[in-house]
Protein backbone atom coordinates (compact mmCIF):
# COMPACT_ATOMS: atom_id res chain seq x y z
CA MET A 1 0.02 0.01 -0.03
CA LYS A 2 2.86 2.39 0.76
CA LEU A 3 4.25 1.88 -2.72
CA LYS A 4 0.89 2.71 -4.29
CA SER A 5 0.47 5.98 -2.36
CA LEU A 6 4.05 6.90 -3.06
CA GLY A 7 3.54 6.42 -6.83
CA SER A 8 0.29 8.45 -6.86
CA SER A 9 1.89 11.32 -4.97
CA ASN A 10 4.68 11.39 -7.54
CA VAL A 11 2.16 11.51 -10.35
CA ALA A 12 0.32 14.34 -8.62
CA LEU A 13 3.60 16.18 -8.11
CA ILE A 14 4.42 15.78 -11.81
CA TYR A 15 0.97 17.11 -12.75
CA VAL A 16 1.40 20.11 -10.50
CA ALA A 17 4.85 20.75 -11.98
CA LEU A 18 3.57 20.46 -15.55
CA ILE A 19 0.56 22.74 -14.82
CA GLY A 20 2.85 25.31 -13.15
CA ALA A 21 5.38 25.20 -16.02
CA SER A 22 2.58 25.47 -18.59
CA LEU A 23 0.98 28.43 -16.81
CA THR A 24 4.38 30.08 -16.50
CA ILE A 25 5.10 29.75 -20.22
CA ILE A 26 1.59 30.97 -21.19
CA LEU A 27 1.87 33.95 -18.80
CA PHE A 28 5.36 34.72 -20.19
CA PHE A 29 4.07 34.99 -23.74
CA ILE A 30 1.00 37.04 -22.74
CA ILE A 31 3.04 39.53 -20.68
CA ARG A 32 5.73 39.75 -23.36
CA GLU A 33 3.11 40.60 -25.99
CA TRP A 34 1.55 43.20 -23.71
CA GLU A 35 4.95 44.85 -22.99
CA GLN A 36 5.84 44.92 -26.70
CA LYS A 37 2.54 46.69 -27.47
CA ASN A 38 3.20 49.20 -24.69
CA ILE A 39 6.73 49.87 -25.94
CA LEU A 40 5.51 50.35 -29.54
CA THR A 41 2.70 52.66 -28.38
CA GLN A 42 5.14 54.80 -26.32
CA PHE A 43 7.58 54.91 -29.20
CA ASN A 44 4.83 56.13 -31.57
CA VAL A 45 3.80 58.80 -29.05
CA ASP A 46 7.33 60.00 -28.59
CA ALA A 47 8.05 60.01 -32.35
CA SER A 48 4.81 61.95 -33.02
CA ASP A 49 5.89 64.57 -30.39
CA ARG A 50 9.25 64.98 -32.03
CA VAL A 51 7.80 65.23 -35.54
CA ARG A 52 5.32 67.88 -34.27
CA ALA A 53 8.10 69.82 -32.60
CA ILE A 54 10.19 69.84 -35.83
CA GLU A 55 7.15 70.85 -37.89
CA ASN A 56 6.43 73.71 -35.50
CA ALA A 57 10.03 74.90 -35.65
CA ILE A 58 10.04 74.82 -39.43
CA GLN A 59 6.72 76.68 -39.60
CA ASP A 60 8.01 79.23 -37.07
CA ASN A 61 11.18 79.81 -39.09
CA ASN A 62 9.18 80.05 -42.29
CA SER A 63 7.26 82.95 -40.74
CA ALA A 64 10.58 84.75 -40.47
CA LEU A 65 11.18 84.30 -44.20
CA LEU A 66 7.68 85.54 -44.91
CA ALA A 67 8.35 88.64 -42.78
CA ILE A 68 11.44 89.39 -44.81
CA GLY A 69 9.48 88.97 -48.00
CA SER A 70 6.84 91.36 -46.72
CA PHE A 71 9.58 93.88 -45.78
CA TYR A 72 10.87 93.80 -49.38
CA GLU A 73 7.31 94.09 -50.85
CA ALA A 74 6.60 97.11 -48.63
CA SER A 75 9.78 98.98 -49.56
CA ARG A 76 10.83 100.53 -52.81
CA SER A 77 14.42 99.50 -52.16
CA VAL A 78 16.20 97.87 -49.24
CA GLU A 79 19.64 98.92 -48.33
CA ARG A 80 22.18 96.83 -46.45
CA LYS A 81 21.74 98.72 -43.15
CA GLU A 82 17.93 98.53 -43.33
CA PHE A 83 18.13 94.81 -43.94
CA HIS A 84 20.63 94.31 -41.11
CA ASP A 85 18.43 96.33 -38.69
CA PHE A 86 15.30 94.43 -39.69
CA THR A 87 16.86 90.92 -39.47
CA ARG A 88 18.53 91.59 -36.09
CA GLY A 89 15.18 91.32 -34.36
CA ILE A 90 14.47 88.06 -36.22
CA PHE A 91 17.67 86.52 -34.94
CA THR A 92 16.64 87.39 -31.41
CA ALA A 93 13.21 85.77 -31.77
CA HIS A 94 14.53 82.81 -33.75
CA PRO A 95 17.83 81.62 -32.24
CA ASP A 96 17.92 78.55 -34.51
CA ILE A 97 18.20 80.82 -37.59
CA LEU A 98 21.91 81.48 -38.04
CA GLU A 99 22.06 83.93 -40.90
CA PHE A 100 20.30 85.88 -43.58
CA ARG A 101 22.33 87.70 -46.26
CA TRP A 102 21.56 90.90 -48.03
CA LEU A 103 22.58 90.81 -51.67
CA GLN A 104 22.14 93.81 -53.92
CA ARG A 105 19.86 93.13 -56.82
CA VAL A 106 21.66 93.29 -60.12
CA LYS A 107 19.57 93.81 -63.22
CA ASP A 108 20.33 91.88 -66.40
CA SER A 109 21.31 95.12 -68.11
CA GLU A 110 23.96 95.79 -65.43
CA LEU A 111 25.66 92.40 -65.90
CA GLN A 112 28.90 92.30 -67.77
CA ASP A 113 29.56 89.59 -70.29
């Protein structure tokens, strides 16, 4: 009788171990999938935030170019000092813009061959 109860307790122990191992493996895959989805979601949120920040910076800097265009349209002529004075304020407001250059307009008739 002792041998029979010893054998049945071993079988029960093996069943418990197999069930425990199976549940562990199943939970591992479920949790891994959940974590991967969370990582991907967080990556997409972070990437979208960076893209939005870059788009906003480009749009903001584009407004500086539009302001210079409006300055030229509102003036009959723009001299170097006027251009320098106007753009100085732009550089203060837009520290990521490094430089604008004033170049004197040369008409085709003024060009030398």
